[in-house]
Protein backbone atom coordinates (compact mmCIF):
# COMPACT_ATOMS: atom_id res chain seq x y z
CA MET A 1 45.40 69.46 -5.93
CA LEU A 2 41.77 68.91 -4.83
CA MET A 3 41.75 65.61 -4.79
CA LYS A 4 43.83 65.13 -1.84
CA ASN A 5 41.18 66.27 -0.47
CA LEU A 6 38.50 62.94 -1.79
CA LEU A 7 36.89 60.91 0.16
CA VAL A 8 35.68 57.68 -1.55
CA ILE A 9 33.69 54.80 0.08
CA ASP A 10 32.20 52.06 -1.17
CA THR A 11 31.08 48.93 -0.01
CA ASP A 12 30.74 46.83 -2.66
CA GLU A 13 35.25 46.42 -2.41
CA VAL A 14 34.97 44.52 0.49
CA PRO A 15 33.42 40.91 1.59
CA HIS A 16 28.97 40.60 2.24
CA ARG A 17 29.57 40.29 6.09
CA ASP A 18 31.66 42.85 6.13
CA ARG A 19 29.94 45.98 4.06
CA PHE A 20 27.62 47.07 6.32
CA ASP A 21 30.18 47.47 9.17
CA VAL A 22 32.67 49.37 6.89
CA TRP A 23 29.84 52.26 6.49
CA ARG A 24 28.57 52.28 9.71
CA ASP A 25 32.50 52.61 11.23
CA ALA A 26 33.60 55.08 8.63
CA PHE A 27 30.72 57.17 10.18
CA SER A 28 30.81 56.38 13.44
CA SER A 29 32.02 58.63 15.80
CA PHE A 30 29.64 61.75 13.93
CA GLN A 31 26.09 60.19 13.71
CA ASP A 32 25.12 56.53 14.66
CA VAL A 33 23.35 54.47 11.16
CA VAL A 34 21.31 51.81 11.82
CA VAL A 35 19.64 48.57 9.64
CA GLU A 36 17.53 45.66 10.23
CA PRO A 37 19.73 42.75 11.14
CA ALA A 38 17.71 41.06 9.10
CA SER A 39 18.13 43.43 6.23
CA ARG A 40 22.98 43.74 6.56
CA MET A 41 23.71 41.43 3.91
CA ASP A 42 22.33 43.10 1.57
CA PHE A 43 23.55 46.87 2.14
CA SER A 44 25.01 47.92 0.05
CA ALA A 45 26.48 51.95 0.00
CA SER A 46 28.71 54.53 -1.54
CA CYS A 47 29.80 57.71 -1.15
CA ARG A 48 32.14 60.43 -3.01
CA ASN A 49 32.82 63.22 -1.05
CA LEU A 50 35.62 66.71 -2.21
CA ALA A 51 36.47 69.17 -0.04
CA VAL A 52 36.17 72.50 -1.91
CA ARG A 53 37.77 75.21 -0.02
CA ASP A 54 34.86 75.71 2.42
CA THR A 55 32.21 72.87 1.15
CA MET A 56 32.33 69.45 0.85
CA PHE A 57 30.60 67.62 -1.83
CA GLY A 58 28.97 64.98 -1.81
CA VAL A 59 26.92 62.51 -3.60
CA TYR A 60 25.27 59.15 -1.79
CA LYS A 61 23.46 55.96 -2.67
CA THR A 62 22.75 53.37 0.27
CA SER A 63 20.21 50.89 0.83
CA ALA A 64 18.10 51.92 2.93
CA ARG A 65 18.39 52.88 6.94
CA ARG A 66 18.10 54.77 9.97
CA ILE A 67 20.35 57.57 11.14
CA LEU A 68 20.94 59.55 14.33
CA ARG A 69 23.16 63.00 15.45
CA THR A 70 22.69 62.60 19.30
CA PRO A 71 23.99 65.18 22.61
CA LEU A 72 27.05 62.22 22.46
CA HIS A 73 27.89 62.47 19.30
CA ARG A 74 26.86 66.30 18.97
CA SER A 75 29.47 66.82 22.90
CA ARG A 76 33.36 64.84 20.65
CA HIS A 77 33.05 67.03 17.90
CA ASP A 78 32.01 71.42 17.86
CA ILE A 79 30.46 71.45 14.43
CA ASP A 80 28.50 74.09 13.70
CA HIS A 81 27.72 73.14 9.34
CA LEU A 82 25.04 73.81 7.11
CA VAL A 83 23.91 70.88 5.22
CA VAL A 84 22.00 71.38 1.80
CA ARG A 85 20.82 68.30 0.32
CA VAL A 86 18.60 67.25 -2.70
CA GLY A 87 17.26 63.76 -3.41
CA LEU A 88 18.14 62.43 -7.01
CA SER A 89 16.40 58.68 -5.90
CA CYS A 90 15.23 59.06 -2.37
CA ASP A 91 13.06 59.76 0.35
CA ILE A 92 14.14 61.04 3.49
CA ARG A 93 11.60 61.64 6.23
CA GLY A 94 13.87 63.35 9.48
CA ARG A 95 13.89 65.51 12.89
CA GLN A 96 15.22 67.89 13.97
CA ARG A 97 14.64 71.15 16.68
CA ASP A 98 10.76 69.27 17.27
CA GLN A 99 10.38 70.18 13.25
CA ASP A 100 9.34 66.45 11.02
CA TYR A 101 10.64 67.33 7.76
CA HIS A 102 10.18 64.94 4.14
CA LEU A 103 12.88 65.02 1.47
CA GLY A 104 11.53 63.15 -1.45
CA THR A 105 12.78 62.59 -4.76
CA GLY A 106 13.78 66.51 -6.96
CA GLY A 107 13.51 68.29 -3.15
CA ILE A 108 16.13 70.70 -1.64
CA GLY A 109 16.02 71.61 2.05
CA ILE A 110 18.60 72.33 4.90
CA THR A 111 19.52 71.24 7.71
CA THR A 112 22.23 71.30 10.01
CA PHE A 113 24.93 69.30 12.19
CA ALA A 114 24.07 71.58 15.17
CA TYR A 115 21.62 70.15 16.59
CA GLY A 116 20.40 66.33 17.21
CA TYR A 117 18.26 64.64 14.57
CA GLU A 118 16.49 61.61 13.79
CA GLU A 119 16.54 60.83 10.00
CA VAL A 120 14.13 57.48 8.37
CA HIS A 121 17.03 56.92 4.40
CA THR A 122 14.69 55.51 1.64
CA ALA A 123 17.28 53.24 -0.78
CA GLY A 124 18.09 55.63 -3.67
CA SER A 125 20.39 58.26 -3.61
CA TYR A 126 21.11 62.37 -2.88
CA VAL A 127 23.93 64.46 -3.18
CA VAL A 128 24.84 66.93 -0.41
CA ALA A 129 26.62 70.06 -0.43
CA VAL A 130 28.21 71.45 4.01
CA LEU A 131 29.65 74.98 4.63
CA PRO A 132 30.44 76.09 7.94
CA ARG A 133 27.18 78.59 9.41
CA SER A 134 30.55 80.58 10.04
CA SER A 135 31.44 81.21 6.55
CA LEU A 136 28.42 83.12 6.06
CA PRO A 137 28.15 85.67 7.98
CA ASN A 138 25.51 87.42 7.53
CA PHE A 139 22.96 84.62 7.78
CA ALA A 140 21.75 83.63 11.28
CA ASP A 141 18.40 81.79 12.00
CA ASP A 142 17.34 79.18 15.18
CA GLY A 143 18.94 75.69 13.06
CA SER A 144 15.35 74.62 12.09
CA PRO A 145 15.58 72.48 9.04
CA ARG A 146 13.38 74.44 5.78
CA LEU A 147 12.67 72.86 2.19
CA LEU A 148 13.58 75.86 -0.46
CA GLY A 149 11.18 76.85 -3.15
CA GLY A 150 11.20 79.45 -6.34
CA VAL A 151 13.85 80.59 -8.73
CA ARG A 152 16.87 80.69 -6.77
CA ALA A 153 15.88 77.42 -5.24
CA ALA A 154 15.77 75.72 -8.49
CA LEU A 155 19.00 76.89 -9.77
CA LEU A 156 20.77 76.14 -6.82
CA ARG A 157 19.73 72.12 -7.30
CA ASP A 158 20.43 72.61 -11.26
CA VAL A 159 24.51 73.31 -9.80
CA LEU A 160 24.29 70.41 -7.54
CA ILE A 161 22.87 68.07 -9.18
CA SER A 162 25.40 69.06 -12.13
CA LEU A 163 28.01 68.60 -9.72
CA SER A 164 27.25 65.42 -9.72
CA SER A 165 27.56 63.59 -12.17
CA SER A 166 30.94 64.92 -12.81
CA LEU A 167 31.87 65.49 -9.09
CA THR A 168 35.81 63.61 -9.00
CA GLU A 169 36.25 64.19 -13.59
CA THR A 170 35.99 67.84 -13.64
CA THR A 171 38.89 70.13 -13.38
CA ASP A 172 40.55 71.95 -9.93
CA GLU A 173 39.68 75.90 -12.05
CA ASP A 174 35.31 74.13 -12.24
CA LEU A 175 34.91 72.58 -9.77
CA LEU A 176 36.02 76.25 -7.76
CA ILE A 177 33.58 77.61 -9.96
CA PHE A 178 30.80 75.48 -8.98
CA GLU A 179 31.96 76.57 -5.45
CA ASP A 180 31.47 80.07 -5.81
CA VAL A 181 28.20 80.04 -8.12
CA PHE A 182 26.50 77.61 -5.64
CA ARG A 183 27.44 79.87 -2.12
CA ARG A 184 26.19 83.02 -4.25
CA VAL A 185 23.06 80.90 -4.79
CA LEU A 186 22.25 79.85 -1.79
CA GLU A 187 23.76 83.49 0.53
CA SER A 188 20.66 84.74 -2.19
CA ILE A 189 18.73 82.48 -0.78
CA LEU A 190 19.80 82.46 3.18
CA GLN A 191 19.51 86.04 2.87
CA SER A 192 16.20 87.42 1.43
CA LYS A 193 13.61 88.20 3.53
CA ASP A 194 13.92 85.09 6.27
CA GLY A 195 17.63 86.53 6.48
CA PRO A 196 18.34 89.12 9.21
CA GLY A 197 17.31 93.17 8.96
CA VAL A 198 19.56 95.43 7.64
CA ALA A 199 20.64 97.18 10.60
CA ASP A 200 22.39 93.63 11.78
CA ASP A 201 23.60 93.49 8.39
CA LEU A 202 25.73 95.90 8.82
CA ARG A 203 26.54 95.21 12.30
CA LEU A 204 27.87 92.27 11.34
CA LYS A 205 29.50 93.50 8.24
CA ARG A 206 31.58 95.13 10.92
CA VAL A 207 32.15 92.63 14.01
CA ASP A 208 32.91 90.04 11.19
CA GLU A 209 35.98 92.65 9.80
CA ILE A 210 36.86 93.30 13.47
CA LEU A 211 37.77 89.92 14.06
CA HIS A 212 39.46 90.10 11.19
CA SER A 213 42.05 92.91 11.46
CA GLU A 214 42.48 92.21 15.03
CA MET A 215 42.39 88.97 15.01
CA GLY A 216 46.72 88.50 16.44
CA SER A 217 45.56 90.21 20.16
CA SER A 218 45.19 88.67 22.77
CA ARG A 219 42.73 91.24 24.25
CA LEU A 220 40.25 90.11 21.27
CA THR A 221 37.54 89.47 23.88
CA ALA A 222 33.80 90.20 23.79
CA ALA A 223 34.52 93.62 25.97
CA ARG A 224 36.74 94.46 23.56
CA VAL A 225 34.86 93.15 20.44
CA CYS A 226 31.84 95.60 21.53
CA GLU A 227 34.08 98.97 22.12
CA LEU A 228 35.82 98.68 18.65
CA ALA A 229 32.01 98.35 16.52
CA GLY A 230 30.20 100.39 19.51
CA VAL A 231 27.31 98.23 20.13
CA SER A 232 26.19 96.84 23.93
CA ARG A 233 26.48 93.51 24.94
CA THR A 234 22.72 92.52 24.47
CA THR A 235 23.30 93.60 20.91
CA LEU A 236 26.73 91.10 20.87
CA TYR A 237 25.16 88.35 22.20
CA ARG A 238 22.24 88.49 19.89
CA LEU A 239 23.88 88.92 17.05
CA PHE A 240 25.62 85.53 17.83
CA ARG A 241 23.98 83.75 20.09
CA GLU A 242 23.32 80.37 16.91
CA ARG A 243 27.21 80.79 17.16
CA GLY A 244 27.22 79.98 20.93
CA GLY A 245 29.14 83.97 21.36
CA VAL A 246 31.51 85.61 19.65
CA GLU A 247 34.43 84.56 22.09
CA ARG A 248 33.43 80.81 21.02
CA HIS A 249 33.03 82.13 17.07
CA LEU A 250 36.25 84.29 17.36
CA THR A 251 38.26 80.56 18.60
CA GLY A 252 36.69 78.69 16.09
CA LEU A 253 37.64 81.11 13.32
CA ARG A 254 40.77 82.05 14.68
CA LEU A 255 41.77 77.69 14.36
CA ASP A 256 40.14 77.08 11.75
CA LEU A 257 42.91 79.79 10.13
CA ILE A 258 45.80 78.37 12.34
CA ARG A 259 44.45 75.13 10.10
CA GLN A 260 45.00 76.76 6.61
CA ASP A 261 48.03 78.06 7.76
CA LEU A 262 49.74 75.07 8.75
CA ARG A 263 48.65 74.21 5.02
CA ALA A 264 50.19 76.80 2.83
CA PRO A 265 53.63 76.43 1.22
CA VAL A 266 54.52 79.95 1.63
CA LEU A 267 54.54 79.25 5.62
CA SER A 268 55.94 76.28 5.80
CA THR A 269 58.84 77.45 7.42
CA CYS A 270 56.86 79.05 9.88
CA SER A 271 57.15 77.21 13.29
CA ILE A 272 53.93 76.17 14.39
CA SER A 273 54.09 78.51 17.71
CA ARG A 274 54.81 81.53 15.65
CA ILE A 275 51.24 80.74 13.20
CA ALA A 276 49.31 80.11 16.32
CA GLU A 277 50.24 83.59 17.90
CA ASN A 278 49.66 85.83 14.53
CA ARG A 279 46.59 84.24 14.68
CA GLY A 280 45.84 85.34 18.45
CA MET A 281 46.84 81.98 20.32
CA HIS A 282 49.04 82.86 22.51
CA ASN A 283 49.45 80.10 25.23
CA ALA A 284 50.63 76.43 23.45
CA SER A 285 49.11 74.46 25.90
CA ALA A 286 45.61 76.09 25.29
CA PHE A 287 46.01 76.48 21.63
CA ASN A 288 46.92 72.17 21.53
CA ARG A 289 43.82 71.29 23.42
CA ALA A 290 41.66 73.19 21.50
CA PHE A 291 42.77 72.50 18.45
CA GLN A 292 42.43 68.50 18.81
CA ARG A 293 38.98 69.35 20.60
CA ARG A 294 37.93 70.67 17.15
CA PHE A 295 39.69 68.76 14.45
CA GLY A 296 40.69 65.85 16.42
CA CYS A 297 44.27 65.45 15.04
CA THR A 298 47.64 67.93 16.29
CA PRO A 299 48.49 71.12 14.47
CA SER A 300 51.62 68.83 13.75
CA ASP A 301 49.39 66.35 12.49
CA VAL A 302 47.54 68.44 9.72
CA ARG A 303 51.23 69.95 8.69
CA GLN A 304 52.09 66.28 7.31
CA GLY A 305 48.85 66.29 5.36
CA ALA A 306 46.13 64.02 4.43
CA GLY A 307 45.25 60.67 2.02
CA VAL A 308 42.78 59.72 0.14
CA ARG A 309 41.06 56.77 2.37
CA ARG A 310 38.85 54.07 0.99
CA ALA A 311 36.12 51.37 2.03
CA GLY A 312 37.82 48.20 3.68
CA THR A 313 40.12 51.01 5.56
CA ARG A 314 37.65 51.29 9.14
CA GLU A 315 38.24 54.56 10.70
CA SER A 316 38.29 52.58 14.29
CA ASP A 317 41.90 51.90 12.70
CA LEU A 318 42.66 54.88 11.91
CA GLY A 319 41.52 56.97 14.66
CA VAL A 320 37.88 58.60 15.26
CA ASP A 321 39.00 61.40 13.39
CA ALA A 322 42.46 60.05 11.45
CA PRO A 323 43.70 61.06 7.82
CA GLY A 324 40.41 60.61 5.27
CA SER A 325 37.96 59.98 8.08
CA PHE A 326 34.37 62.08 7.10
CA ILE A 327 35.29 64.54 9.96
CA ARG A 328 39.05 65.25 8.69
CA LEU A 329 37.13 66.14 5.67
CA LEU A 330 34.60 68.08 6.78
CA ARG A 331 37.10 70.34 8.03
CA ALA A 332 39.57 70.45 4.82
CA ARG A 333 39.88 73.48 3.48
CA THR A 334 41.25 74.41 -0.29
């Protein structure tokens, strides 16, 4: 079941002259990959990525390279994901939000796709987990990179390393357990002393309940949320500032749930327009534009499903966000 959400890229499956191009093209709409021309013939890289519920787990092994995520890349995709990485045998030095960071072998750190970055990677491997920040409703930060330490960070590292060694052999049931344990440990770290105050936790929980319970109403605006939650516009803006505002967050939440509904067998006979209306998107044209802008595909594409992409099939051949691409997997739900 979960294997349909698997993305495998292995440059060893293509001729030497094409290896770097295949890897670069796989991520070109998301970030730039830079390697010195003299090193391209020797370039080697592989990755296995698997989407489990809201989380995408991946294991990467690559030659040395530099990667950049620019404002142009960010404008192509509305992505606000946290990136949790453990260095297995590589050294990563980067800069994001005017802060430098260094992730060495055995280190564990968090960055985000919401802001641009530049990183230099040595040859080696690392394991990564990527999940939408919106799936952590009680967590808010300024998007700055952070390195983790302490007992809980060590536990989180052990969970990811354990999963990396058996990513494609583990049963679906075990994968779901892994994802649940990972999320619980991560939340315990993020919601510790560095997280929002108790009062904000309660307000966010209340707003989150309202967003889900009133999801189908076209009248659910920021003003209406303030009224139902009993908070001021200033407070609501502060709570959702790092998520682009409550209305943008609500639109993203609606689209994510619609995408999930489109893949649900029990709703296979329900029209796409009805599914959208049930989630509060009553303007068909606006819905289709927003859906394609967020996911890079049509609602019908999602309903038809996607396959597994392997090296040798370039993203440029399939379309920027074609079935099996990195971005599509990042959006996947199980």
